[in-house]
Amino acid sequence: MSGSEAVLDIHSDRAAGRPEREGQVILRDGTPMSYGDAGTGPVVLAVHGWAASRIFFDGLSGRLSDGFRFMAPDLRAHGTTPAGQLPLSIETLADDLADLIETLDLSRIVLVGWSMGAMVAWSMIDRHGPDRIAGLVVEDMTPRILNDADWSLGMSSGMKAKDSARAIDLMRADWSGYAATFAPRMFARDRRRDAADMVAEATAELSRRNGDAMAEIWGSMAAQDMRAALSGITLPVLVAHGARSEAYGPETSRYLADTLPQADIETFARSGHAPHLEQPEEFAHAVQTFARRVQAGAIHQQNIEGSISS
């Protein structure tokens, strides 16, 4: 893929004028949660990563909104959704996502969870059940980000609890500096060189967050351990891994595929931590193919259950 392709611009589909409806739902503490909504059809709901926002999915929205209803919220304390009054934790974000789905009465959803978005999706399914979900796409994530003596499939940097604590201190002390260091590492090394504008836009967007809020959410994410919950997630899952990711290695994706009962892996050879930005056409095709398959299966299962109950 050449660096001149417009798809490398995280704002590309807004610039191209593709229609997106912006909506809000009022969460249980009165916080207005913003979301983008484009197209019609079966729902694909994308959940962004830590310190990001829904604009990182503009390109995916443009590719999937012809045939799907593509939706992407700004999580609490991200994008245009304020922090509100509740604790800034993975559990709160998971409950917010459940609120969004229930308020809008969405069903047969394909959830796309990028990085922390996958952790939020796992937590939501664990806390609220899978009834409205047809399938899940996990984009470059681990069930436990911290490494210890018994777990080496967390962050590839080898981050342990003490390292996470130091990172939180840095976030609080100098958020813009931390974002400027963190954001480029989302991308494969050659992307950082050949798509400098995209990296700069991503850095600028992350720098808009509040450092104290991001530190609080990071602390909650670092405390999560979803390993025990994975075997109970019987939904179809597509594990999307960037082969050049500096966040998580291929062994982490293999662990997910081996542990989740219905999981397949798709590796994106030229991508780092953000295949939906780095190989957008290939990623959109993978999601489209997966979504059509699992949503058709969900409709078939619903028809069977309806005929039995009648």
Protein backbone atom coordinates (compact mmCIF):
# COMPACT_ATOMS: atom_id res chain seq x y z
CA MET A 1 0.00 0.00 0.00
CA SER A 2 1.50 3.33 -0.98
CA GLY A 3 1.85 6.17 1.50
CA SER A 4 -0.07 8.44 -0.90
CA GLU A 5 -3.40 6.68 -0.40
CA ALA A 6 -5.94 8.96 1.27
CA VAL A 7 -7.11 6.13 3.50
CA LEU A 8 -4.10 6.76 5.73
CA ASP A 9 -5.77 9.98 6.90
CA ILE A 10 -7.72 9.20 10.08
CA HIS A 11 -10.17 11.93 9.04
CA SER A 12 -10.36 10.78 5.39
CA ASP A 13 -14.05 9.94 5.28
CA ARG A 14 -15.14 13.17 6.93
CA ALA A 15 -13.08 15.04 4.38
CA ALA A 16 -14.72 13.04 1.59
CA GLY A 17 -18.12 14.16 2.81
CA ARG A 18 -19.53 10.73 3.63
CA PRO A 19 -22.70 11.21 5.68
CA GLU A 20 -22.58 10.41 9.36
CA ARG A 21 -25.36 11.02 11.83
CA GLU A 22 -24.26 12.09 15.27
CA GLY A 23 -26.37 10.97 18.22
CA GLN A 24 -26.34 10.97 21.98
CA VAL A 25 -27.65 8.71 24.69
CA ILE A 26 -27.94 9.82 28.30
CA LEU A 27 -26.11 7.42 30.58
CA ARG A 28 -27.32 6.44 34.04
CA ASP A 29 -25.44 9.29 35.76
CA GLY A 30 -26.76 11.87 33.30
CA THR A 31 -23.62 11.93 31.14
CA PRO A 32 -24.35 12.43 27.41
CA MET A 33 -22.53 9.76 25.40
CA SER A 34 -21.86 10.78 21.78
CA TYR A 35 -21.80 8.31 18.93
CA GLY A 36 -21.49 8.31 15.17
CA ASP A 37 -24.03 6.43 13.07
CA ALA A 38 -23.75 5.81 9.32
CA GLY A 39 -25.50 3.58 6.82
CA THR A 40 -28.29 1.09 7.29
CA GLY A 41 -28.48 -2.65 7.78
CA PRO A 42 -26.97 -5.07 10.29
CA VAL A 43 -25.08 -3.28 13.05
CA VAL A 44 -21.30 -3.12 13.33
CA LEU A 45 -20.40 -1.29 16.54
CA ALA A 46 -16.75 -0.25 16.91
CA VAL A 47 -15.19 0.60 20.28
CA HIS A 48 -11.99 2.64 20.23
CA GLY A 49 -8.86 2.20 22.28
CA TRP A 50 -7.43 4.01 25.30
CA ALA A 51 -7.07 7.79 24.83
CA ALA A 52 -8.43 7.59 21.27
CA SER A 53 -11.92 8.46 20.00
CA ARG A 54 -14.44 7.41 17.40
CA ILE A 55 -12.78 9.47 14.66
CA PHE A 56 -10.14 6.72 14.41
CA PHE A 57 -12.89 4.63 12.80
CA ASP A 58 -13.86 7.16 10.11
CA GLY A 59 -12.19 5.09 7.41
CA LEU A 60 -13.82 1.87 8.53
CA SER A 61 -17.18 3.63 8.66
CA GLY A 62 -16.81 4.79 5.07
CA ARG A 63 -16.03 1.28 3.91
CA LEU A 64 -18.75 -0.55 5.84
CA SER A 65 -21.66 1.91 5.85
CA ASP A 66 -22.70 0.66 2.40
CA GLY A 67 -24.39 -2.55 3.55
CA PHE A 68 -24.11 -2.13 7.32
CA ARG A 69 -25.18 0.32 9.97
CA PHE A 70 -21.79 1.35 11.29
CA MET A 71 -21.77 2.89 14.76
CA ALA A 72 -18.93 4.10 16.97
CA PRO A 73 -19.25 5.81 20.37
CA ASP A 74 -16.89 8.12 22.16
CA LEU A 75 -16.29 6.35 25.44
CA ARG A 76 -16.58 8.29 28.70
CA ALA A 77 -13.75 10.87 29.02
CA HIS A 78 -12.84 10.39 25.34
CA GLY A 79 -13.69 12.42 22.28
CA THR A 80 -16.81 14.51 22.84
CA THR A 81 -18.19 12.42 25.73
CA PRO A 82 -17.45 14.03 29.12
CA ALA A 83 -16.06 12.11 32.08
CA GLY A 84 -19.24 12.36 34.14
CA GLN A 85 -19.52 11.49 37.81
CA LEU A 86 -18.88 7.75 37.90
CA PRO A 87 -15.49 6.10 38.51
CA LEU A 88 -13.37 6.02 35.35
CA SER A 89 -12.96 2.27 35.16
CA ILE A 90 -13.25 -0.50 32.61
CA GLU A 91 -16.39 -1.65 34.43
CA THR A 92 -17.98 1.79 34.06
CA LEU A 93 -17.09 1.91 30.36
CA ALA A 94 -18.55 -1.59 29.93
CA ASP A 95 -21.79 -0.57 31.64
CA ASP A 96 -21.91 2.57 29.45
CA LEU A 97 -21.62 0.43 26.34
CA ALA A 98 -24.44 -1.80 27.59
CA ASP A 99 -26.52 1.36 28.24
CA LEU A 100 -25.94 2.50 24.66
CA ILE A 101 -26.94 -0.86 23.20
CA GLU A 102 -30.05 -1.18 25.35
CA THR A 103 -31.20 2.42 24.91
CA LEU A 104 -30.95 2.17 21.12
CA ASP A 105 -32.39 -1.37 21.20
CA LEU A 106 -29.60 -2.79 19.06
CA SER A 107 -29.40 -6.51 18.35
CA ARG A 108 -27.33 -9.02 16.37
CA ILE A 109 -24.37 -6.67 16.75
CA VAL A 110 -20.87 -7.35 15.53
CA LEU A 111 -18.64 -5.63 18.09
CA VAL A 112 -15.22 -4.43 16.96
CA GLY A 113 -12.97 -3.77 19.96
CA TRP A 114 -9.66 -2.10 19.22
CA SER A 115 -7.09 -2.45 22.01
CA MET A 116 -8.79 -1.26 25.22
CA GLY A 117 -12.07 -1.40 23.28
CA ALA A 118 -11.75 -5.19 23.31
CA MET A 119 -11.26 -5.14 27.08
CA VAL A 120 -14.41 -3.04 27.40
CA ALA A 121 -16.30 -5.48 25.14
CA TRP A 122 -15.12 -8.51 27.14
CA SER A 123 -16.14 -6.81 30.38
CA MET A 124 -19.55 -5.86 28.99
CA ILE A 125 -20.23 -9.42 27.84
CA ASP A 126 -19.06 -10.76 31.20
CA ARG A 127 -21.25 -8.31 33.14
CA HIS A 128 -24.33 -8.12 30.93
CA GLY A 129 -24.34 -11.27 28.82
CA PRO A 130 -24.00 -11.84 25.08
CA ASP A 131 -27.66 -11.86 24.01
CA ARG A 132 -27.49 -8.81 21.75
CA ILE A 133 -24.10 -9.73 20.24
CA ALA A 134 -23.66 -11.86 17.12
CA GLY A 135 -19.88 -11.80 17.04
CA LEU A 136 -16.77 -10.01 18.25
CA VAL A 137 -13.67 -8.71 16.49
CA VAL A 138 -10.68 -8.35 18.83
CA GLU A 139 -8.11 -6.00 17.31
CA ASP A 140 -4.65 -6.42 18.83
CA MET A 141 -5.38 -6.90 22.51
CA THR A 142 -4.52 -9.14 25.45
CA PRO A 143 -6.72 -10.27 28.35
CA ARG A 144 -4.11 -8.96 30.82
CA ILE A 145 -1.77 -6.11 29.90
CA LEU A 146 0.66 -6.53 32.80
CA ASN A 147 3.30 -9.24 32.86
CA ASP A 148 4.42 -11.14 35.93
CA ALA A 149 6.17 -14.37 36.84
CA ASP A 150 3.24 -16.44 35.56
CA TRP A 151 2.15 -14.38 32.54
CA SER A 152 4.32 -13.16 29.67
CA LEU A 153 1.66 -12.37 27.06
CA GLY A 154 0.92 -8.86 28.25
CA MET A 155 2.49 -5.81 26.66
CA SER A 156 5.49 -6.67 24.52
CA SER A 157 7.56 -4.09 26.39
CA GLY A 158 7.45 -6.47 29.36
CA MET A 159 5.46 -3.96 31.42
CA LYS A 160 4.97 -5.05 35.02
CA ALA A 161 2.99 -3.44 37.84
CA LYS A 162 5.85 -1.13 38.88
CA ASP A 163 6.31 0.02 35.27
CA SER A 164 2.59 0.76 34.99
CA ALA A 165 2.72 2.83 38.17
CA ARG A 166 5.60 4.89 36.73
CA ALA A 167 3.66 5.38 33.49
CA ILE A 168 0.65 6.66 35.44
CA ASP A 169 2.87 9.21 37.19
CA LEU A 170 4.14 10.40 33.79
CA MET A 171 0.59 10.68 32.43
CA ARG A 172 -0.42 12.90 35.31
CA ALA A 173 2.75 15.01 35.19
CA ASP A 174 2.97 15.65 31.44
CA TRP A 175 0.11 14.25 29.39
CA SER A 176 1.02 15.96 26.11
CA GLY A 177 4.56 14.60 26.36
CA TYR A 178 3.29 11.14 27.18
CA ALA A 179 0.84 11.19 24.24
CA ALA A 180 3.61 12.32 21.88
CA THR A 181 5.68 9.29 22.90
CA PHE A 182 2.83 6.79 23.03
CA ALA A 183 0.91 7.59 19.83
CA PRO A 184 3.63 6.80 17.24
CA ARG A 185 4.12 3.35 18.76
CA MET A 186 0.59 2.43 17.68
CA PHE A 187 1.92 2.09 14.13
CA ALA A 188 4.45 -0.16 12.44
CA ARG A 189 7.89 1.44 12.12
CA ASP A 190 7.63 2.01 8.38
CA ARG A 191 4.21 3.64 8.84
CA ARG A 192 5.79 6.12 11.24
CA ARG A 193 8.16 7.05 8.41
CA ASP A 194 5.88 6.84 5.36
CA ALA A 195 2.62 8.12 6.89
CA ALA A 196 3.90 10.92 9.08
CA ASP A 197 0.71 12.96 8.64
CA MET A 198 -1.42 10.13 9.99
CA VAL A 199 0.87 9.69 12.98
CA ALA A 200 0.79 13.44 13.63
CA GLU A 201 -3.02 13.48 13.51
CA ALA A 202 -3.22 10.53 15.88
CA THR A 203 -0.81 12.25 18.27
CA ALA A 204 -2.81 15.47 18.16
CA GLU A 205 -6.06 13.63 18.87
CA LEU A 206 -4.62 11.71 21.83
CA SER A 207 -3.13 14.89 23.27
CA ARG A 208 -6.66 16.34 23.62
CA ARG A 209 -7.47 13.95 26.46
CA ASN A 210 -7.20 14.80 30.13
CA GLY A 211 -4.11 13.23 31.66
CA ASP A 212 -5.65 12.56 35.06
CA ALA A 213 -8.66 10.87 33.46
CA MET A 214 -6.45 8.75 31.23
CA ALA A 215 -4.29 7.77 34.20
CA GLU A 216 -7.38 6.65 36.11
CA ILE A 217 -8.64 4.55 33.21
CA TRP A 218 -5.17 3.10 32.60
CA GLY A 219 -4.95 2.07 36.23
CA SER A 220 -8.26 0.22 35.91
CA MET A 221 -7.20 -1.44 32.66
CA ALA A 222 -3.93 -2.55 34.26
CA ALA A 223 -5.92 -4.16 37.08
CA GLN A 224 -8.02 -6.24 34.68
CA ASP A 225 -7.49 -9.95 34.12
CA MET A 226 -10.02 -11.34 31.67
CA ARG A 227 -8.33 -14.72 31.21
CA ALA A 228 -10.88 -16.65 33.27
CA ALA A 229 -13.77 -15.06 31.37
CA LEU A 230 -12.53 -15.95 27.89
CA SER A 231 -13.55 -19.60 27.88
CA GLY A 232 -17.12 -18.57 28.68
CA ILE A 233 -17.39 -16.27 25.66
CA THR A 234 -18.91 -18.70 23.18
CA LEU A 235 -19.60 -16.10 20.50
CA PRO A 236 -17.79 -16.29 17.16
CA VAL A 237 -14.62 -14.21 17.46
CA LEU A 238 -12.18 -12.87 14.89
CA VAL A 239 -8.76 -12.13 16.40
CA ALA A 240 -7.15 -9.44 14.25
CA HIS A 241 -3.41 -9.12 14.84
CA GLY A 242 -0.88 -6.70 13.40
CA ALA A 243 2.27 -8.68 12.59
CA ARG A 244 4.43 -5.62 13.28
CA SER A 245 2.66 -4.62 16.48
CA GLU A 246 4.89 -3.24 19.20
CA ALA A 247 2.07 -3.65 21.71
CA TYR A 248 1.43 -7.40 21.65
CA GLY A 249 3.19 -10.31 20.02
CA PRO A 250 1.74 -13.10 17.87
CA GLU A 251 1.77 -15.47 20.84
CA THR A 252 -0.91 -13.34 22.50
CA SER A 253 -3.24 -13.70 19.52
CA ARG A 254 -2.56 -17.43 19.43
CA TYR A 255 -3.47 -17.65 23.12
CA LEU A 256 -6.78 -15.91 22.41
CA ALA A 257 -7.55 -18.24 19.52
CA ASP A 258 -6.74 -21.27 21.65
CA THR A 259 -8.77 -20.07 24.65
CA LEU A 260 -11.87 -18.56 23.07
CA PRO A 261 -14.17 -21.43 22.02
CA GLN A 262 -15.03 -20.06 18.54
CA ALA A 263 -12.08 -17.94 17.44
CA ASP A 264 -10.12 -17.52 14.23
CA ILE A 265 -7.02 -15.40 13.65
CA GLU A 266 -6.40 -12.99 10.81
CA THR A 267 -2.91 -11.50 10.67
CA PHE A 268 -2.24 -8.18 8.94
CA ALA A 269 1.31 -8.47 7.74
CA ARG A 270 2.06 -4.76 7.24
CA SER A 271 0.34 -3.45 10.37
CA GLY A 272 1.31 -2.53 13.87
CA HIS A 273 -1.25 -2.00 16.65
CA ALA A 274 -3.87 -0.41 14.35
CA PRO A 275 -4.61 -2.63 11.32
CA HIS A 276 -7.85 -0.74 10.64
CA LEU A 277 -5.73 2.34 9.91
CA GLU A 278 -2.64 0.71 8.44
CA GLN A 279 -4.32 -1.82 6.13
CA PRO A 280 -7.81 -0.32 5.94
CA GLU A 281 -9.06 -2.13 2.84
CA GLU A 282 -7.96 -5.53 4.09
CA PHE A 283 -9.30 -4.91 7.59
CA ALA A 284 -12.68 -3.71 6.30
CA HIS A 285 -12.95 -6.77 4.07
CA ALA A 286 -12.18 -9.07 7.01
CA VAL A 287 -14.81 -7.40 9.20
CA GLN A 288 -17.34 -7.42 6.37
CA THR A 289 -16.85 -11.12 5.68
CA PHE A 290 -17.00 -12.02 9.38
CA ALA A 291 -20.05 -9.83 10.03
CA ARG A 292 -22.04 -11.29 7.14
CA ARG A 293 -21.29 -14.81 8.31
CA VAL A 294 -22.11 -14.39 11.98
CA GLN A 295 -25.12 -12.15 11.51
CA ALA A 296 -26.63 -14.62 9.06
CA GLY A 297 -26.03 -17.33 11.64
CA ALA A 298 -27.70 -15.23 14.34
CA ILE A 299 -30.79 -14.72 12.17
CA HIS A 300 -30.93 -18.45 11.41
CA GLN A 301 -30.67 -19.31 15.11
CA GLN A 302 -33.39 -16.78 15.96
CA ASN A 303 -35.68 -18.33 13.35
CA ILE A 304 -35.08 -21.80 14.79
CA GLU A 305 -35.81 -20.64 18.32
CA GLY A 306 -38.93 -18.83 17.13
CA SER A 307 -40.28 -21.90 15.39
CA ILE A 308 -39.64 -24.03 18.50
CA SER A 309 -41.36 -21.57 20.83
CA SER A 310 -44.39 -21.31 18.56
